[in-house]
Amino acid sequence: MKVVEFKSKIKNNKIDIPAAIQAKLDYQQGKAIRVIVLMEDNEAENEINFKDKALTDFFKGYSSSDAIYDEYK
């Protein structure tokens, strides 16, 4: 399997392929390919998702037997 990597932007739900890359792909016309799209992370969105996931996972481990610690003085 050959790998070709390039940066692009999505415009009208299409990904532009640079001309230099198109030239490398020209002989592959009609062949099946596998496409993987990697998008830049949004820091704020990732932080919120991480906190939500951490909170959800934390309470998954909580059981009724842990209630004894709720009123610890």
N, C-alpha and C. Protein backbone atom coordinates (compact mmCIF):
# COMPACT_ATOMS: atom_id res chain seq x y z
N MET A 1 0.85 -1.17 0.00
CA MET A 1 0.00 0.00 0.00
C MET A 1 0.89 1.24 0.00
N LYS A 2 0.57 2.18 -0.85
CA LYS A 2 1.31 3.45 -0.91
C LYS A 2 0.54 4.52 -0.15
N VAL A 3 1.27 5.45 0.43
CA VAL A 3 0.66 6.53 1.19
C VAL A 3 1.00 7.86 0.53
N VAL A 4 0.00 8.69 0.38
CA VAL A 4 0.18 10.04 -0.14
C VAL A 4 -0.43 10.99 0.89
N GLU A 5 0.34 11.97 1.33
CA GLU A 5 -0.16 12.91 2.34
C GLU A 5 -0.09 14.33 1.81
N PHE A 6 -1.13 15.10 2.10
CA PHE A 6 -1.14 16.51 1.72
C PHE A 6 -2.15 17.23 2.60
N LYS A 7 -2.01 18.55 2.68
CA LYS A 7 -2.95 19.37 3.42
C LYS A 7 -3.90 20.02 2.44
N SER A 8 -5.15 20.15 2.85
CA SER A 8 -6.16 20.74 1.99
C SER A 8 -7.26 21.32 2.87
N LYS A 9 -8.28 21.86 2.24
CA LYS A 9 -9.45 22.37 2.95
C LYS A 9 -10.69 21.78 2.31
N ILE A 10 -11.73 21.64 3.11
CA ILE A 10 -13.00 21.16 2.60
C ILE A 10 -13.79 22.36 2.10
N LYS A 11 -14.19 22.30 0.84
CA LYS A 11 -14.99 23.37 0.24
C LYS A 11 -16.17 22.72 -0.45
N ASN A 12 -17.37 23.12 -0.06
CA ASN A 12 -18.59 22.54 -0.64
C ASN A 12 -18.59 21.01 -0.52
N ASN A 13 -18.15 20.52 0.62
CA ASN A 13 -18.08 19.07 0.90
C ASN A 13 -17.16 18.33 -0.05
N LYS A 14 -16.16 19.01 -0.59
CA LYS A 14 -15.17 18.38 -1.46
C LYS A 14 -13.78 18.73 -0.95
N ILE A 15 -12.86 17.80 -1.12
CA ILE A 15 -11.47 18.01 -0.72
C ILE A 15 -10.65 18.22 -1.98
N ASP A 16 -10.02 19.39 -2.07
CA ASP A 16 -9.17 19.67 -3.22
C ASP A 16 -7.87 18.88 -3.12
N ILE A 17 -7.47 18.25 -4.21
CA ILE A 17 -6.21 17.51 -4.27
C ILE A 17 -5.22 18.36 -5.06
N PRO A 18 -4.07 18.71 -4.47
CA PRO A 18 -3.08 19.53 -5.17
C PRO A 18 -2.65 18.89 -6.49
N ALA A 19 -2.30 19.73 -7.46
CA ALA A 19 -1.93 19.26 -8.80
C ALA A 19 -0.78 18.26 -8.76
N ALA A 20 0.21 18.50 -7.91
CA ALA A 20 1.36 17.58 -7.82
C ALA A 20 0.92 16.19 -7.38
N ILE A 21 -0.05 16.14 -6.48
CA ILE A 21 -0.57 14.85 -6.01
C ILE A 21 -1.44 14.22 -7.09
N GLN A 22 -2.22 15.03 -7.79
CA GLN A 22 -3.05 14.51 -8.87
C GLN A 22 -2.20 13.80 -9.91
N ALA A 23 -1.04 14.36 -10.21
CA ALA A 23 -0.14 13.74 -11.19
C ALA A 23 0.30 12.36 -10.73
N LYS A 24 0.53 12.20 -9.43
CA LYS A 24 0.94 10.90 -8.89
C LYS A 24 -0.20 9.89 -8.93
N LEU A 25 -1.43 10.38 -8.90
CA LEU A 25 -2.60 9.51 -8.86
C LEU A 25 -3.16 9.20 -10.25
N ASP A 26 -2.68 9.88 -11.26
CA ASP A 26 -3.25 9.78 -12.60
C ASP A 26 -3.31 8.33 -13.10
N TYR A 27 -2.28 7.54 -12.84
CA TYR A 27 -2.26 6.16 -13.32
C TYR A 27 -3.15 5.24 -12.49
N GLN A 28 -3.74 5.76 -11.45
CA GLN A 28 -4.61 4.96 -10.57
C GLN A 28 -6.09 5.10 -10.91
N GLN A 29 -6.41 5.77 -12.00
CA GLN A 29 -7.81 6.02 -12.36
C GLN A 29 -8.62 4.73 -12.36
N GLY A 30 -9.76 4.76 -11.70
CA GLY A 30 -10.66 3.61 -11.66
C GLY A 30 -10.34 2.60 -10.58
N LYS A 31 -9.22 2.75 -9.89
CA LYS A 31 -8.85 1.80 -8.83
C LYS A 31 -9.44 2.26 -7.50
N ALA A 32 -9.73 1.30 -6.64
CA ALA A 32 -10.25 1.60 -5.31
C ALA A 32 -9.14 2.18 -4.44
N ILE A 33 -9.48 3.17 -3.63
CA ILE A 33 -8.52 3.76 -2.70
C ILE A 33 -9.16 3.82 -1.31
N ARG A 34 -8.33 4.02 -0.31
CA ARG A 34 -8.82 4.22 1.05
C ARG A 34 -8.47 5.65 1.44
N VAL A 35 -9.44 6.38 1.95
CA VAL A 35 -9.24 7.77 2.32
C VAL A 35 -9.42 7.91 3.83
N ILE A 36 -8.46 8.55 4.48
CA ILE A 36 -8.54 8.85 5.90
C ILE A 36 -8.43 10.36 6.04
N VAL A 37 -9.38 10.98 6.71
CA VAL A 37 -9.37 12.43 6.89
C VAL A 37 -9.03 12.73 8.34
N LEU A 38 -7.98 13.50 8.55
CA LEU A 38 -7.56 13.93 9.88
C LEU A 38 -7.83 15.42 9.99
N MET A 39 -8.59 15.82 10.99
CA MET A 39 -8.91 17.23 11.16
C MET A 39 -8.19 17.78 12.38
N GLU A 40 -7.83 19.05 12.31
CA GLU A 40 -7.18 19.70 13.45
C GLU A 40 -8.15 19.71 14.63
N ASP A 41 -7.61 19.47 15.81
CA ASP A 41 -8.43 19.47 17.02
C ASP A 41 -8.78 20.89 17.42
N ASN A 42 -9.96 21.04 17.96
CA ASN A 42 -10.39 22.30 18.54
C ASN A 42 -10.12 22.16 20.03
N GLU A 43 -9.14 22.90 20.56
CA GLU A 43 -8.70 22.76 21.96
C GLU A 43 -9.86 22.89 22.94
N ALA A 44 -10.69 23.91 22.78
CA ALA A 44 -11.79 24.13 23.73
C ALA A 44 -12.78 22.97 23.69
N GLU A 45 -13.09 22.51 22.50
CA GLU A 45 -14.03 21.39 22.34
C GLU A 45 -13.46 20.13 22.98
N ASN A 46 -12.18 19.87 22.79
CA ASN A 46 -11.54 18.69 23.37
C ASN A 46 -11.55 18.75 24.89
N GLU A 47 -11.33 19.93 25.46
CA GLU A 47 -11.31 20.09 26.91
C GLU A 47 -12.69 19.78 27.49
N ILE A 48 -13.73 20.28 26.85
CA ILE A 48 -15.10 20.03 27.31
C ILE A 48 -15.42 18.54 27.21
N ASN A 49 -15.09 17.93 26.08
CA ASN A 49 -15.35 16.50 25.90
C ASN A 49 -14.60 15.67 26.92
N PHE A 50 -13.35 16.04 27.21
CA PHE A 50 -12.55 15.31 28.19
C PHE A 50 -13.19 15.39 29.57
N LYS A 51 -13.61 16.59 29.97
CA LYS A 51 -14.21 16.76 31.29
C LYS A 51 -15.53 15.99 31.40
N ASP A 52 -16.35 16.04 30.36
CA ASP A 52 -17.61 15.29 30.37
C ASP A 52 -17.35 13.79 30.47
N LYS A 53 -16.39 13.30 29.72
CA LYS A 53 -16.05 11.87 29.72
C LYS A 53 -15.51 11.47 31.09
N ALA A 54 -14.63 12.30 31.66
CA ALA A 54 -14.05 11.99 32.97
C ALA A 54 -15.13 11.93 34.04
N LEU A 55 -16.06 12.88 34.01
CA LEU A 55 -17.14 12.90 35.00
C LEU A 55 -18.04 11.68 34.85
N THR A 56 -18.40 11.36 33.63
CA THR A 56 -19.24 10.19 33.36
C THR A 56 -18.55 8.91 33.82
N ASP A 57 -17.29 8.75 33.48
CA ASP A 57 -16.55 7.55 33.87
C ASP A 57 -16.36 7.47 35.38
N PHE A 58 -16.17 8.63 36.03
CA PHE A 58 -16.00 8.65 37.48
C PHE A 58 -17.24 8.09 38.17
N PHE A 59 -18.41 8.54 37.73
CA PHE A 59 -19.64 8.09 38.39
C PHE A 59 -20.05 6.69 37.98
N LYS A 60 -19.49 6.15 36.94
CA LYS A 60 -19.75 4.74 36.60
C LYS A 60 -19.24 3.83 37.70
N GLY A 61 -18.17 4.25 38.38
CA GLY A 61 -17.57 3.45 39.43
C GLY A 61 -18.24 3.64 40.79
N TYR A 62 -19.20 4.56 40.88
CA TYR A 62 -19.90 4.85 42.14
C TYR A 62 -21.01 3.83 42.34
N SER A 63 -21.07 3.27 43.53
CA SER A 63 -22.15 2.31 43.82
C SER A 63 -22.84 2.73 45.11
N SER A 64 -23.96 2.12 45.41
CA SER A 64 -24.73 2.48 46.61
C SER A 64 -23.91 2.25 47.88
N SER A 65 -22.97 1.33 47.85
CA SER A 65 -22.14 1.09 49.03
C SER A 65 -21.19 2.26 49.30
N ASP A 66 -20.99 3.12 48.30
CA ASP A 66 -20.13 4.29 48.49
C ASP A 66 -20.86 5.42 49.22
N ALA A 67 -22.17 5.30 49.38
CA ALA A 67 -22.97 6.34 50.02
C ALA A 67 -22.51 6.61 51.45
N ILE A 68 -21.90 5.65 52.07
CA ILE A 68 -21.41 5.83 53.44
C ILE A 68 -20.43 7.00 53.54
N TYR A 69 -19.72 7.28 52.46
CA TYR A 69 -18.74 8.36 52.46
C TYR A 69 -19.37 9.73 52.17
N ASP A 70 -20.61 9.76 51.74
CA ASP A 70 -21.27 11.02 51.42
C ASP A 70 -21.48 11.89 52.66
N GLU A 71 -21.64 11.27 53.82
CA GLU A 71 -21.89 12.01 55.06
C GLU A 71 -20.71 11.94 56.01
N TYR A 72 -19.54 11.73 55.48
CA TYR A 72 -18.33 11.64 56.30
C TYR A 72 -18.04 13.00 56.92
N LYS A 73 -17.76 13.00 58.23
CA LYS A 73 -17.48 14.27 58.94
C LYS A 73 -16.06 14.32 59.40
